[in-house]
Protein backbone atom coordinates (compact mmCIF):
# COMPACT_ATOMS: atom_id res chain seq x y z
CA MET A 1 -2.70 -26.18 -15.96
CA PHE A 2 0.29 -28.52 -16.48
CA ARG A 3 1.30 -32.09 -16.87
CA PRO A 4 4.50 -34.07 -17.19
CA ALA A 5 5.30 -36.01 -20.26
CA ARG A 6 5.62 -39.30 -18.23
CA GLU A 7 2.04 -39.09 -16.80
CA PRO A 8 -0.69 -41.21 -18.37
CA GLN A 9 -2.71 -39.14 -20.92
CA SER A 10 -5.81 -39.29 -18.85
CA LYS A 11 -4.04 -37.49 -15.94
CA ARG A 12 -2.78 -34.66 -17.92
CA HIS A 13 -4.48 -31.32 -17.32
CA VAL A 14 -4.29 -30.36 -21.05
CA ARG A 15 -6.29 -33.15 -22.66
CA SER A 16 -5.86 -34.05 -26.37
CA SER A 17 -9.19 -35.91 -26.42
CA PHE A 18 -12.47 -35.86 -24.72
CA TYR A 19 -15.07 -38.59 -24.36
CA VAL A 20 -18.31 -36.80 -24.62
CA ILE A 21 -21.44 -38.84 -23.72
CA GLY A 22 -23.72 -39.46 -26.58
CA GLU A 23 -21.08 -38.36 -29.21
CA GLY A 24 -18.02 -40.48 -28.72
CA ILE A 25 -14.20 -39.40 -28.55
CA LEU A 26 -13.50 -35.96 -29.79
CA ALA A 27 -9.81 -35.77 -30.65
CA GLU A 28 -7.56 -32.79 -31.23
CA SER A 29 -6.27 -31.87 -34.69
CA ARG A 30 -3.22 -29.65 -35.30
CA ASP A 31 -5.15 -26.73 -36.39
CA GLY A 32 -8.33 -27.14 -34.31
CA GLY A 33 -10.14 -28.14 -37.41
CA PRO A 34 -13.17 -30.53 -37.56
CA VAL A 35 -12.45 -34.06 -36.47
CA GLU A 36 -15.20 -36.70 -36.61
CA PRO A 37 -16.18 -38.25 -33.22
CA GLN A 38 -14.71 -41.88 -32.92
CA ALA A 39 -16.51 -44.79 -31.19
CA ALA A 40 -14.58 -46.13 -28.38
CA SER A 41 -13.89 -49.66 -27.56
CA THR A 42 -15.48 -51.13 -24.40
CA VAL A 43 -12.20 -50.77 -22.32
CA ALA A 44 -11.61 -47.23 -23.66
CA ASP A 45 -15.21 -46.29 -23.04
CA LEU A 46 -14.95 -47.30 -19.41
CA ARG A 47 -11.57 -45.93 -18.64
CA LYS A 48 -11.87 -42.50 -20.20
CA PHE A 49 -13.06 -39.56 -18.15
CA ARG A 50 -16.73 -38.81 -19.31
CA PHE A 51 -17.83 -35.25 -20.30
CA SER A 52 -21.28 -34.13 -21.28
CA ARG A 53 -22.50 -31.28 -23.48
CA LEU A 54 -24.71 -28.59 -21.55
CA GLY A 55 -25.69 -26.55 -24.64
CA PRO A 56 -25.79 -26.64 -28.38
CA ARG A 57 -22.97 -27.94 -30.58
CA SER A 58 -21.82 -25.29 -33.12
CA GLY A 59 -20.66 -26.02 -36.65
CA PRO A 60 -17.38 -25.11 -38.28
CA ALA A 61 -18.82 -21.92 -39.63
CA ARG A 62 -19.19 -20.50 -36.20
CA GLN A 63 -15.63 -21.32 -35.13
CA LEU A 64 -12.77 -18.96 -35.58
CA ASP A 65 -10.02 -20.24 -37.93
CA ARG A 66 -6.41 -20.68 -36.74
CA ASN A 67 -5.15 -17.38 -37.71
CA ALA A 68 -8.07 -15.50 -36.01
CA ARG A 69 -7.42 -17.60 -32.86
CA ILE A 70 -3.65 -16.62 -32.91
CA GLU A 71 -4.63 -12.96 -33.28
CA LEU A 72 -7.23 -13.15 -30.49
CA ALA A 73 -4.78 -14.92 -28.22
CA ARG A 74 -2.22 -12.25 -28.77
CA ALA A 75 -4.84 -9.45 -27.95
CA MET A 76 -5.65 -11.49 -24.75
CA THR A 77 -1.99 -11.55 -23.61
CA ASP A 78 -1.02 -8.00 -24.70
CA PRO A 79 1.45 -6.89 -22.15
CA LYS A 80 0.57 -3.15 -22.97
CA ARG A 81 -3.03 -3.53 -21.75
CA ASP A 82 -3.63 -2.67 -18.04
CA HIS A 83 -4.87 -5.74 -16.20
CA PRO A 84 -5.92 -4.43 -12.79
CA ASP A 85 -6.09 -6.33 -9.41
CA GLN A 86 -9.38 -7.50 -8.19
CA ARG A 87 -10.48 -5.96 -4.89
CA GLY A 88 -11.67 -8.31 -2.32
CA VAL A 89 -10.12 -11.47 -3.93
CA PRO A 90 -6.80 -12.50 -2.34
CA SER A 91 -4.54 -14.23 -4.95
CA GLY A 92 -4.68 -17.62 -2.89
CA PHE A 93 -8.13 -18.13 -4.37
CA THR A 94 -6.66 -18.28 -7.87
CA TYR A 95 -4.82 -21.51 -6.87
CA LEU A 96 -7.66 -22.75 -4.64
CA GLY A 97 -9.68 -22.64 -7.75
CA GLN A 98 -7.10 -24.87 -9.47
CA PHE A 99 -6.93 -27.15 -6.60
CA VAL A 100 -10.76 -27.45 -6.99
CA ASP A 101 -10.61 -28.01 -10.70
CA HIS A 102 -8.32 -31.01 -10.11
CA ASP A 103 -10.91 -32.40 -7.58
CA LEU A 104 -13.59 -32.09 -10.12
CA THR A 105 -11.70 -33.62 -12.99
CA LEU A 106 -9.41 -36.28 -11.44
CA ASP A 107 -9.71 -39.61 -13.20
CA ALA A 108 -9.23 -41.79 -10.18
CA THR A 109 -9.45 -44.92 -12.18
CA ALA A 110 -6.33 -44.09 -14.31
CA VAL A 111 -4.61 -46.80 -12.53
CA ARG A 112 -2.34 -49.53 -13.96
CA LEU A 113 -4.05 -51.45 -16.77
CA ASP A 114 -3.41 -54.68 -14.82
CA ASP A 115 -4.86 -53.44 -11.68
CA GLU A 116 -8.15 -55.22 -10.73
CA ILE A 117 -11.01 -52.67 -10.58
CA THR A 118 -14.77 -53.17 -10.88
CA VAL A 119 -17.10 -51.42 -13.31
CA ARG A 120 -18.74 -49.71 -10.34
CA GLN A 121 -15.38 -48.25 -9.34
CA LEU A 122 -14.62 -47.23 -12.82
CA LEU A 123 -17.84 -45.30 -13.08
CA GLN A 124 -17.61 -43.71 -9.70
CA GLY A 125 -13.99 -42.97 -9.96
CA ARG A 126 -14.54 -40.33 -12.54
CA SER A 127 -17.74 -38.85 -11.21
CA PRO A 128 -17.14 -35.06 -11.05
CA ALA A 129 -17.98 -34.52 -7.52
CA LEU A 130 -16.38 -32.14 -5.00
CA ASP A 131 -15.41 -34.94 -2.66
CA LEU A 132 -11.62 -34.37 -2.44
CA ASP A 133 -10.58 -37.44 -4.35
CA SER A 134 -7.53 -35.63 -5.53
CA LEU A 135 -6.52 -35.67 -1.90
CA TYR A 136 -7.77 -39.18 -0.78
CA GLY A 137 -7.64 -41.13 -4.01
CA LEU A 138 -9.53 -44.38 -3.66
CA GLY A 139 -8.69 -44.45 0.10
CA PRO A 140 -6.26 -46.24 2.38
CA ALA A 141 -7.96 -49.66 1.85
CA HIS A 142 -7.18 -49.63 -1.93
CA ARG A 143 -4.02 -51.58 -2.71
CA PHE A 144 -2.56 -48.95 -5.10
CA ASP A 145 -3.58 -45.89 -3.23
CA ARG A 146 -2.59 -46.89 0.26
CA ARG A 147 0.91 -45.51 -0.55
CA PHE A 148 -0.55 -42.02 0.00
CA TYR A 149 -1.10 -42.86 3.66
CA GLU A 150 0.99 -43.39 6.72
CA ASP A 151 1.11 -46.90 8.19
CA ASP A 152 -1.77 -46.25 10.57
CA GLY A 153 -4.12 -45.95 7.42
CA LEU A 154 -5.54 -42.87 8.96
CA ARG A 155 -3.23 -39.93 8.34
CA LEU A 156 -2.01 -38.77 4.91
CA LYS A 157 1.75 -38.60 4.18
CA SER A 158 3.39 -35.10 4.27
CA GLY A 159 6.76 -34.01 3.05
CA THR A 160 9.80 -32.38 4.22
CA THR A 161 11.75 -29.52 2.71
CA GLN A 162 15.39 -29.56 1.86
CA GLY A 163 17.63 -27.06 3.71
CA VAL A 164 19.63 -24.64 1.47
CA PRO A 165 23.32 -25.49 1.87
CA ASN A 166 25.61 -23.06 3.81
CA ASP A 167 22.73 -20.98 5.23
CA PRO A 168 22.87 -20.70 8.93
CA SER A 169 19.25 -19.32 9.11
CA ILE A 170 16.03 -21.26 9.27
CA VAL A 171 16.24 -21.76 5.41
CA GLY A 172 19.18 -24.03 5.99
CA LEU A 173 17.04 -26.44 7.84
CA PRO A 174 14.62 -29.29 6.59
CA LEU A 175 11.16 -28.49 7.76
CA THR A 176 8.49 -31.20 8.13
CA GLY A 177 5.20 -30.79 6.72
CA PHE A 178 5.84 -27.93 4.39
CA ASP A 179 6.30 -29.90 1.09
CA LEU A 180 4.35 -32.50 -0.58
CA PRO A 181 5.45 -36.03 0.07
CA ARG A 182 7.70 -37.24 -2.56
CA GLN A 183 8.61 -40.68 -4.05
CA GLY A 184 12.31 -40.46 -2.66
CA THR A 185 13.42 -43.58 -4.64
CA GLY A 186 14.30 -44.39 -8.12
CA SER A 187 17.37 -44.22 -10.41
CA LEU A 188 16.30 -40.85 -12.00
CA ARG A 189 15.93 -37.52 -10.18
CA SER A 190 12.56 -37.11 -11.88
CA GLU A 191 11.27 -40.27 -10.29
CA ARG A 192 12.61 -39.35 -6.83
CA ARG A 193 11.00 -35.88 -7.05
CA ARG A 194 7.56 -37.09 -8.01
CA ALA A 195 4.93 -36.07 -5.60
CA LEU A 196 3.29 -38.98 -3.80
CA ILE A 197 -0.21 -37.64 -4.22
CA PRO A 198 -3.26 -39.04 -6.05
CA ASP A 199 -3.16 -36.18 -8.66
CA PRO A 200 0.27 -35.12 -9.98
CA ARG A 201 -1.36 -31.94 -11.37
CA ASN A 202 -1.33 -30.55 -7.87
CA ASP A 203 2.52 -30.42 -8.20
CA GLU A 204 2.50 -28.37 -11.40
CA ASN A 205 3.19 -25.02 -9.77
CA LEU A 206 4.30 -24.16 -6.21
CA VAL A 207 1.15 -22.35 -5.18
CA VAL A 208 -1.16 -25.17 -5.76
CA ALA A 209 1.30 -27.59 -4.27
CA GLN A 210 1.45 -25.51 -1.09
CA VAL A 211 -2.38 -25.56 -1.13
CA HIS A 212 -2.54 -29.30 -1.41
CA ALA A 213 0.06 -29.63 1.46
CA ALA A 214 -2.27 -27.39 3.60
CA PHE A 215 -5.11 -29.78 2.96
CA ILE A 216 -2.94 -32.69 4.06
CA ARG A 217 -2.40 -30.83 7.32
CA PHE A 218 -6.20 -30.12 7.56
CA HIS A 219 -7.11 -33.86 7.32
CA ASN A 220 -4.32 -34.88 9.74
CA ARG A 221 -5.38 -32.33 12.36
CA VAL A 222 -8.98 -33.55 12.06
CA VAL A 223 -7.79 -37.24 12.59
CA ALA A 224 -5.71 -36.05 15.66
CA ASP A 225 -8.76 -34.51 17.10
CA LEU A 226 -10.99 -37.43 16.56
CA VAL A 227 -8.44 -39.72 18.11
CA GLY A 228 -8.25 -37.38 21.17
CA LYS A 229 -12.07 -37.72 21.50
CA GLY A 230 -11.84 -41.60 21.55
CA VAL A 231 -13.59 -42.18 18.21
CA SER A 232 -13.44 -45.93 17.32
CA SER A 233 -10.62 -46.73 14.95
CA ALA A 234 -13.24 -48.71 12.75
CA VAL A 235 -14.97 -45.47 11.74
CA LEU A 236 -12.28 -42.88 12.33
CA PHE A 237 -11.00 -42.48 8.79
CA GLU A 238 -14.34 -42.10 7.24
CA SER A 239 -15.49 -39.73 10.01
CA ALA A 240 -12.43 -37.60 9.36
CA ARG A 241 -13.09 -37.70 5.57
CA GLU A 242 -16.73 -36.56 6.08
CA THR A 243 -15.79 -33.84 8.38
CA VAL A 244 -13.07 -32.49 5.97
CA VAL A 245 -15.23 -32.78 2.85
CA LYS A 246 -18.28 -30.97 4.40
CA HIS A 247 -16.18 -28.07 5.68
CA TYR A 248 -14.48 -27.83 2.27
CA GLN A 249 -17.83 -27.82 0.54
CA TRP A 250 -19.12 -25.16 2.94
CA MET A 251 -16.03 -22.99 2.37
CA LEU A 252 -16.58 -23.26 -1.44
CA ARG A 253 -20.23 -22.45 -1.38
CA HIS A 254 -19.98 -19.57 1.05
CA ASP A 255 -16.48 -18.14 0.45
CA PHE A 256 -14.85 -19.20 -2.78
CA LEU A 257 -17.84 -19.15 -5.07
CA ARG A 258 -19.06 -15.67 -3.82
CA ARG A 259 -15.76 -14.16 -4.54
CA ILE A 260 -15.77 -15.33 -8.18
CA VAL A 261 -19.53 -15.45 -9.21
CA ASP A 262 -22.24 -12.94 -8.83
CA PRO A 263 -23.64 -13.69 -5.34
CA GLU A 264 -27.23 -13.44 -6.47
CA ILE A 265 -26.68 -16.10 -8.83
CA VAL A 266 -24.95 -18.32 -6.25
CA GLU A 267 -27.85 -17.81 -3.72
CA ASP A 268 -30.52 -18.56 -6.48
CA VAL A 269 -28.99 -21.86 -7.38
CA PHE A 270 -28.28 -22.99 -3.80
CA ASP A 271 -31.73 -21.88 -2.55
CA ASN A 272 -33.86 -22.75 -5.60
CA GLY A 273 -32.07 -25.40 -7.52
CA ARG A 274 -30.62 -25.79 -10.99
CA ARG A 275 -32.45 -24.74 -14.11
CA VAL A 276 -30.02 -25.75 -17.00
CA PHE A 277 -27.52 -28.38 -15.82
CA GLU A 278 -28.93 -31.83 -14.81
CA PRO A 279 -31.90 -30.01 -13.10
CA SER A 280 -33.69 -33.37 -12.13
CA PRO A 281 -31.35 -36.20 -12.08
CA GLY A 282 -32.43 -39.75 -10.99
CA GLU A 283 -31.63 -40.93 -7.44
CA HIS A 284 -28.68 -43.15 -8.67
CA ASP A 285 -27.52 -40.81 -11.50
CA LEU A 286 -23.83 -39.76 -11.23
CA PRO A 287 -22.91 -36.12 -12.11
CA THR A 288 -21.24 -35.50 -15.42
CA MET A 289 -18.84 -32.81 -16.36
CA PRO A 290 -20.00 -30.33 -18.92
CA ILE A 291 -17.40 -29.32 -21.45
CA GLU A 292 -18.68 -25.79 -21.46
CA PHE A 293 -17.53 -25.64 -17.80
CA SER A 294 -14.26 -27.50 -18.21
CA VAL A 295 -13.16 -25.86 -21.49
CA ALA A 296 -14.66 -22.42 -21.01
CA ALA A 297 -16.49 -21.15 -17.87
CA TYR A 298 -14.03 -22.55 -15.31
CA ARG A 299 -10.97 -21.25 -17.25
CA LEU A 300 -11.76 -17.99 -15.49
CA GLY A 301 -8.76 -18.77 -13.30
CA HIS A 302 -6.32 -18.14 -16.03
CA SER A 303 -7.32 -14.46 -16.03
CA MET A 304 -6.69 -14.31 -12.25
CA VAL A 305 -3.00 -15.29 -12.35
CA ARG A 306 -0.47 -12.68 -11.46
CA ASP A 307 2.91 -12.45 -13.19
CA ARG A 308 4.79 -12.05 -9.96
CA TYR A 309 4.04 -12.46 -6.23
CA ASN A 310 5.37 -11.21 -2.93
CA TRP A 311 6.00 -14.74 -1.99
CA ASN A 312 7.71 -14.69 1.44
CA ARG A 313 10.28 -12.58 3.30
CA ILE A 314 13.13 -13.86 0.92
CA PHE A 315 11.22 -13.58 -2.39
CA ASP A 316 9.56 -10.25 -1.64
CA ARG A 317 8.68 -7.24 -3.73
CA GLY A 318 7.55 -9.30 -6.79
CA ARG A 319 10.51 -11.70 -6.69
CA GLY A 320 8.15 -14.66 -6.75
CA THR A 321 7.83 -14.54 -10.31
CA LEU A 322 5.40 -16.98 -12.25
CA GLU A 323 8.39 -18.60 -13.97
CA LEU A 324 9.95 -19.34 -10.65
CA LEU A 325 6.69 -20.76 -9.22
CA PHE A 326 6.75 -23.18 -12.20
CA ARG A 327 10.40 -24.01 -11.72
CA PHE A 328 9.99 -24.94 -8.01
CA SER A 329 7.56 -27.68 -8.63
CA GLY A 330 8.16 -31.29 -9.48
CA THR A 331 5.96 -31.36 -12.59
CA SER A 332 6.75 -28.11 -14.46
CA GLY A 333 10.15 -27.62 -13.01
CA THR A 334 13.01 -29.33 -11.15
CA LEU A 335 12.74 -27.85 -7.57
CA SER A 336 16.07 -26.40 -8.13
CA PRO A 337 17.40 -22.89 -8.85
CA PRO A 338 19.41 -21.86 -11.93
CA PRO A 339 21.51 -23.12 -13.70
CA ALA A 340 19.14 -26.05 -13.50
CA ASP A 341 17.11 -26.37 -16.73
CA PRO A 342 13.34 -26.64 -16.00
CA ALA A 343 12.89 -28.25 -19.54
CA ASP A 344 15.23 -31.07 -18.36
CA PRO A 345 13.58 -33.17 -15.71
CA GLU A 346 16.86 -34.60 -14.70
CA SER A 347 18.66 -31.41 -14.05
CA GLY A 348 19.20 -29.58 -10.72
CA ASP A 349 20.38 -30.85 -7.19
CA PHE A 350 17.20 -30.50 -5.19
CA GLU A 351 14.82 -33.41 -4.96
CA ARG A 352 12.56 -31.79 -2.46
CA LEU A 353 11.28 -28.17 -2.14
CA PRO A 354 13.95 -25.78 -0.84
CA THR A 355 13.12 -24.49 2.58
CA ASN A 356 13.41 -20.83 1.42
CA TRP A 357 10.29 -21.37 -0.98
CA ILE A 358 7.83 -22.29 1.67
CA ALA A 359 4.66 -20.12 1.28
CA ASP A 360 3.71 -17.21 3.67
CA PHE A 361 0.09 -17.89 3.54
CA ARG A 362 -0.65 -14.51 5.35
CA ARG A 363 0.23 -12.94 1.95
CA LEU A 364 -2.17 -15.18 0.00
CA PHE A 365 -5.36 -15.03 2.22
CA ALA A 366 -6.81 -12.21 4.10
CA PHE A 367 -6.65 -13.40 7.75
CA GLN A 368 -7.95 -10.01 8.98
CA GLU A 369 -11.34 -10.97 7.78
CA ALA A 370 -11.60 -13.74 10.30
CA VAL A 371 -9.28 -12.56 13.12
CA PRO A 372 -8.82 -8.82 12.75
CA GLU A 373 -7.29 -8.67 16.36
CA ARG A 374 -4.37 -10.88 15.30
CA THR A 375 -1.81 -8.60 14.11
CA ASP A 376 0.76 -11.26 13.75
CA LEU A 377 -1.34 -12.80 11.00
CA LEU A 378 -1.50 -9.46 9.02
CA VAL A 379 0.96 -8.11 6.36
CA PRO A 380 1.38 -4.61 5.10
CA GLU A 381 -0.55 -3.85 1.98
CA THR A 382 2.57 -3.61 -0.10
CA GLN A 383 3.35 -7.30 0.75
CA PHE A 384 -0.23 -8.70 0.13
CA ASN A 385 -1.12 -10.43 -3.23
CA LEU A 386 -4.43 -9.73 -4.81
CA ALA A 387 -5.78 -11.80 -7.75
CA LYS A 388 -5.93 -10.14 -11.01
CA ARG A 389 -9.43 -9.12 -12.11
CA ILE A 390 -11.49 -11.64 -14.14
CA ASP A 391 -11.54 -10.12 -17.55
CA THR A 392 -10.35 -10.85 -21.12
CA LEU A 393 -6.62 -10.34 -20.32
CA LEU A 394 -4.01 -12.90 -19.15
CA VAL A 395 -0.58 -11.85 -17.78
CA ASP A 396 2.10 -11.89 -20.50
CA PRO A 397 4.09 -15.01 -19.03
CA LEU A 398 1.02 -17.18 -20.04
CA ALA A 399 1.83 -16.46 -23.66
CA ASP A 400 5.00 -18.49 -23.24
CA LEU A 401 4.23 -21.52 -21.19
CA PRO A 402 7.10 -23.86 -20.04
CA LEU A 403 7.03 -27.19 -21.92
CA GLY A 404 6.56 -29.14 -18.69
CA SER A 405 3.15 -27.37 -18.19
CA PHE A 406 1.49 -29.36 -20.90
CA GLY A 407 3.58 -32.63 -21.01
CA GLY A 408 6.09 -31.40 -23.57
CA ARG A 409 9.33 -31.89 -21.75
CA GLY A 410 11.55 -34.05 -23.88
CA GLN A 411 9.67 -33.32 -27.12
CA ALA A 412 10.32 -30.95 -29.95
CA LYS A 413 9.46 -27.36 -29.13
CA PRO A 414 5.92 -26.50 -30.85
CA PRO A 415 5.26 -23.28 -32.81
CA GLN A 416 5.40 -20.27 -30.56
CA GLU A 417 1.56 -19.72 -30.74
CA GLU A 418 0.98 -23.17 -29.26
CA LEU A 419 2.79 -22.01 -26.07
CA ASN A 420 0.23 -19.27 -25.54
CA LEU A 421 -2.48 -20.48 -23.01
CA ALA A 422 -5.13 -18.36 -24.56
CA PHE A 423 -4.42 -19.99 -28.01
CA ARG A 424 -4.60 -23.43 -26.35
CA ASN A 425 -7.86 -22.62 -24.66
CA LEU A 426 -9.49 -21.31 -27.83
CA THR A 427 -8.20 -24.27 -29.95
CA ARG A 428 -9.48 -26.82 -27.48
CA ALA A 429 -13.00 -25.12 -27.46
CA SER A 430 -12.91 -25.11 -31.35
CA MET A 431 -12.03 -28.84 -31.53
CA LEU A 432 -14.96 -29.63 -29.15
CA ARG A 433 -17.33 -27.51 -31.28
CA LEU A 434 -18.48 -25.46 -28.26
CA GLY A 435 -21.58 -23.40 -28.64
CA THR A 436 -20.65 -19.87 -29.13
CA GLY A 437 -21.63 -17.14 -26.47
CA GLN A 438 -24.53 -16.11 -28.48
CA GLN A 439 -25.73 -19.75 -28.80
CA MET A 440 -25.56 -20.30 -25.11
CA VAL A 441 -27.55 -17.09 -24.27
CA GLU A 442 -30.38 -18.38 -26.56
CA HIS A 443 -30.09 -21.77 -24.84
CA PHE A 444 -30.47 -20.23 -21.53
CA ILE A 445 -33.34 -17.93 -22.36
CA ASP A 446 -35.19 -20.99 -23.86
CA ARG A 447 -34.87 -22.42 -20.39
CA LYS A 448 -36.32 -19.41 -18.63
CA VAL A 449 -33.04 -18.11 -17.31
CA ASP A 450 -32.82 -14.34 -17.38
CA VAL A 451 -29.57 -13.49 -19.13
CA GLU A 452 -28.90 -10.09 -20.92
CA PRO A 453 -26.87 -10.70 -24.12
CA LEU A 454 -23.71 -8.70 -24.74
CA THR A 455 -23.73 -6.25 -27.59
CA ALA A 456 -21.24 -6.10 -30.35
CA ALA A 457 -19.74 -3.00 -28.68
CA ASP A 458 -19.48 -4.88 -25.43
CA LEU A 459 -17.59 -7.60 -27.09
CA THR A 460 -15.19 -5.49 -29.23
CA GLN A 461 -14.84 -2.16 -27.78
CA SER A 462 -15.04 -2.63 -23.97
CA GLY A 463 -12.57 -3.97 -21.41
CA GLY A 464 -9.17 -5.33 -21.68
CA ALA A 465 -8.57 -7.09 -24.91
CA GLN A 466 -8.99 -4.70 -27.79
CA LEU A 467 -10.13 -6.02 -31.12
CA SER A 468 -10.44 -4.34 -34.48
CA GLY A 469 -10.91 -5.11 -38.19
CA GLY A 470 -11.79 -8.47 -39.33
CA LEU A 471 -11.26 -10.01 -35.94
CA ALA A 472 -13.65 -7.81 -34.24
CA GLU A 473 -16.28 -8.56 -36.87
CA ALA A 474 -15.78 -12.39 -36.54
CA VAL A 475 -15.78 -12.24 -32.67
CA ALA A 476 -18.93 -10.11 -32.64
CA ARG A 477 -20.76 -12.51 -34.87
CA HIS A 478 -19.57 -15.86 -33.23
CA THR A 479 -17.95 -15.23 -29.84
CA PRO A 480 -15.75 -18.11 -28.48
CA LEU A 481 -17.64 -19.12 -25.28
CA TRP A 482 -14.55 -18.68 -23.01
CA PHE A 483 -13.98 -15.04 -24.32
CA TYR A 484 -17.79 -14.31 -23.98
CA ILE A 485 -17.82 -15.37 -20.36
CA LEU A 486 -14.71 -13.29 -19.43
CA ARG A 487 -16.18 -10.25 -21.20
CA GLU A 488 -19.49 -10.71 -19.34
CA ALA A 489 -17.47 -10.47 -16.00
CA GLU A 490 -15.51 -7.48 -17.36
CA VAL A 491 -18.49 -5.50 -18.65
CA ARG A 492 -21.51 -6.68 -16.44
CA GLY A 493 -20.04 -8.43 -13.41
CA ASP A 494 -17.50 -6.09 -11.86
CA GLY A 495 -14.89 -8.71 -12.14
CA LYS A 496 -17.12 -11.66 -11.19
CA LEU A 497 -18.89 -14.16 -13.41
CA THR A 498 -22.35 -13.28 -14.26
CA GLY A 499 -24.84 -14.18 -16.89
CA VAL A 500 -24.04 -17.34 -18.80
CA GLY A 501 -20.62 -17.94 -16.99
CA GLY A 502 -21.97 -17.40 -13.50
CA ARG A 503 -24.90 -19.67 -13.96
CA ILE A 504 -22.70 -22.37 -15.44
CA VAL A 505 -20.21 -22.36 -12.64
CA ALA A 506 -22.75 -22.08 -9.81
CA GLU A 507 -24.85 -25.00 -11.19
CA VAL A 508 -22.05 -27.32 -11.90
CA PHE A 509 -20.75 -26.68 -8.36
CA HIS A 510 -24.17 -27.33 -6.90
CA ARG A 511 -24.36 -30.56 -8.81
CA ALA A 512 -20.91 -31.68 -7.89
CA ILE A 513 -21.61 -31.07 -4.21
CA GLU A 514 -24.94 -32.90 -4.57
CA GLY A 515 -23.20 -35.81 -6.22
CA SER A 516 -20.69 -36.31 -3.39
CA ARG A 517 -21.04 -39.23 -1.03
CA HIS A 518 -20.71 -36.66 1.75
CA SER A 519 -22.82 -33.66 0.66
CA ILE A 520 -24.07 -30.43 2.50
CA VAL A 521 -26.65 -30.04 -0.34
CA ARG A 522 -28.24 -33.41 0.53
CA ASP A 523 -27.67 -32.79 4.27
CA PRO A 524 -29.07 -29.19 4.42
CA PHE A 525 -29.06 -29.15 8.26
CA TRP A 526 -25.36 -29.74 8.58
CA ARG A 527 -23.24 -26.69 9.98
CA PRO A 528 -19.50 -26.11 10.27
CA PHE A 529 -17.83 -26.38 13.62
CA LEU A 530 -14.03 -26.38 13.11
CA SER A 531 -13.42 -22.65 13.05
CA PRO A 532 -10.73 -21.87 15.88
CA VAL A 533 -12.86 -18.70 16.51
CA GLU A 534 -15.91 -19.87 18.47
CA GLU A 535 -18.07 -16.98 17.55
CA ARG A 536 -17.62 -17.85 13.89
CA ASN A 537 -19.00 -21.29 14.47
CA SER A 538 -22.00 -19.83 16.16
CA GLN A 539 -22.59 -17.80 13.13
CA ASP A 540 -22.03 -20.75 10.63
CA LEU A 541 -18.87 -19.04 9.21
CA PHE A 542 -16.12 -21.26 7.88
CA GLU A 543 -13.87 -19.71 5.09
CA MET A 544 -10.51 -20.54 3.67
CA THR A 545 -8.87 -18.54 6.45
CA ASP A 546 -10.67 -20.78 9.00
CA LEU A 547 -9.60 -23.80 7.25
CA LEU A 548 -5.91 -22.69 7.43
CA LEU A 549 -6.15 -21.48 10.98
CA TYR A 550 -7.43 -24.81 12.05
CA ALA A 551 -4.95 -26.82 9.97
CA PHE A 552 -1.96 -24.72 11.22
CA GLU A 553 -3.16 -24.60 14.84
CA GLY A 554 -3.62 -20.84 14.73
CA ARG A 555 0.16 -20.41 14.77
CA ALA A 556 1.80 -17.56 12.80
CA ASP A 557 4.95 -19.41 12.78
CA GLN A 558 3.44 -22.25 10.90
CA LEU A 559 1.46 -20.14 8.51
CA ASN A 560 4.73 -18.20 7.86
CA PRO A 561 7.57 -20.38 9.23
CA LEU A 562 10.41 -18.15 7.54
CA GLY A 563 9.32 -15.31 9.65
CA PRO A 564 8.31 -11.65 8.81
CA VAL A 565 10.41 -9.19 6.87
CA ALA A 566 13.00 -7.61 9.11
């Protein structure tokens, strides 16, 4: 969600302009009002991340005005409304989803303007493929991205935490491999804190940072295994990357997607192909990124965020608040406790993650699903974190985002409504003239996709966000696509995307896997083999818990280095 002010515009999560193929550059206005597309220069054309439009473009008459967006955003972040947990979806999947988003939308060509880069690299670098370019960048052979790798050009750099002073327990020690690698040099604290990873967005909150650090471990463990098997150094890195990417894709298709999207839609898309999004691409066509996915459907994760977490044995019983998870990152915060000011990137004494903030992954992912006999990997229900249900509500802290979350540190504080994530989402969609929910239903039906439209009562009287008066009438006529998709999940999907939203997400994932250089869609006979539980390999099972078990060598003291609650 979040981006530092110093980062190049193209690497910010919250974009202020979009290059839409066939339309030009759509820029953001202060009020979300109409802005005419601008033709780009050749350089800007090539260097800007490319989006496409999946459905119809709606006119200004179908868009909510600023006051209506403010009112709707308040309804969606109303702290008095009950926002239940989602059974069967551990909260780690919320931030795995964010990690995936950054994989899909990384502009890997946002390098220094004087860097030499070919047109082919420019086009491929911003291809929305599920290929882990947010982990690998352009690879160890690229002169700019080799800094992410160890000297052997095979392993990714990892980071070391910073011990808490005057604490004789384990939290007083630096622990290697539990933080992102950081720059470590520079005259400013903010420079020394900067994560040494291809996509700085993966350091915008502590949970996604810990997920990224786990993927670094995953890659390095695969490399170590291949070295042990005597694989030639000439092909070792690419062999490791292919192994990692295909296991990652398998986990997304068989675990992650099925938890957030109606499984019948997922199976239909992966068994029978796409009907709406790029159904018959040419052999050499690169995938595009539909703005309906990026700005609406895939923002489902914002509804899954909790306001507080049982983080580890130290920050238990909800003491891992969302505000603190932002604070202990290098992008939205300062990696330092109060009195450090997270709005001041130079404040605070810590330049690496404090050891007492290492994640207890047993609280974020349900290991009992993979290894029920491993009682050391289980936590009591009161310590486990479930994601919030996918619905039309967001937790209250998302109505007051930290300035660092959208590149605002060091700038004047905007009006309060612009700190509301729901308002920002609705305004960005209005700026892009996204088709409404009703328009997308018609578009899908025209393409022989069976979608049941929501009724006016579904949209205004059901579920979490409660609407009334003129706002209810406006939303019932022309529903913002993001709100419509969340309401579908709420009313028809039992907390999973269905209908329009489910179809968009499943088809974009399918295309993004198909478009990757290493692809389980184009290699349908490939099967996973890295689960530490052998019978799971024989059953073609590889889920996020398998990935973590492999990466952390099945050790409870690595998945939870601070130890259990006494």
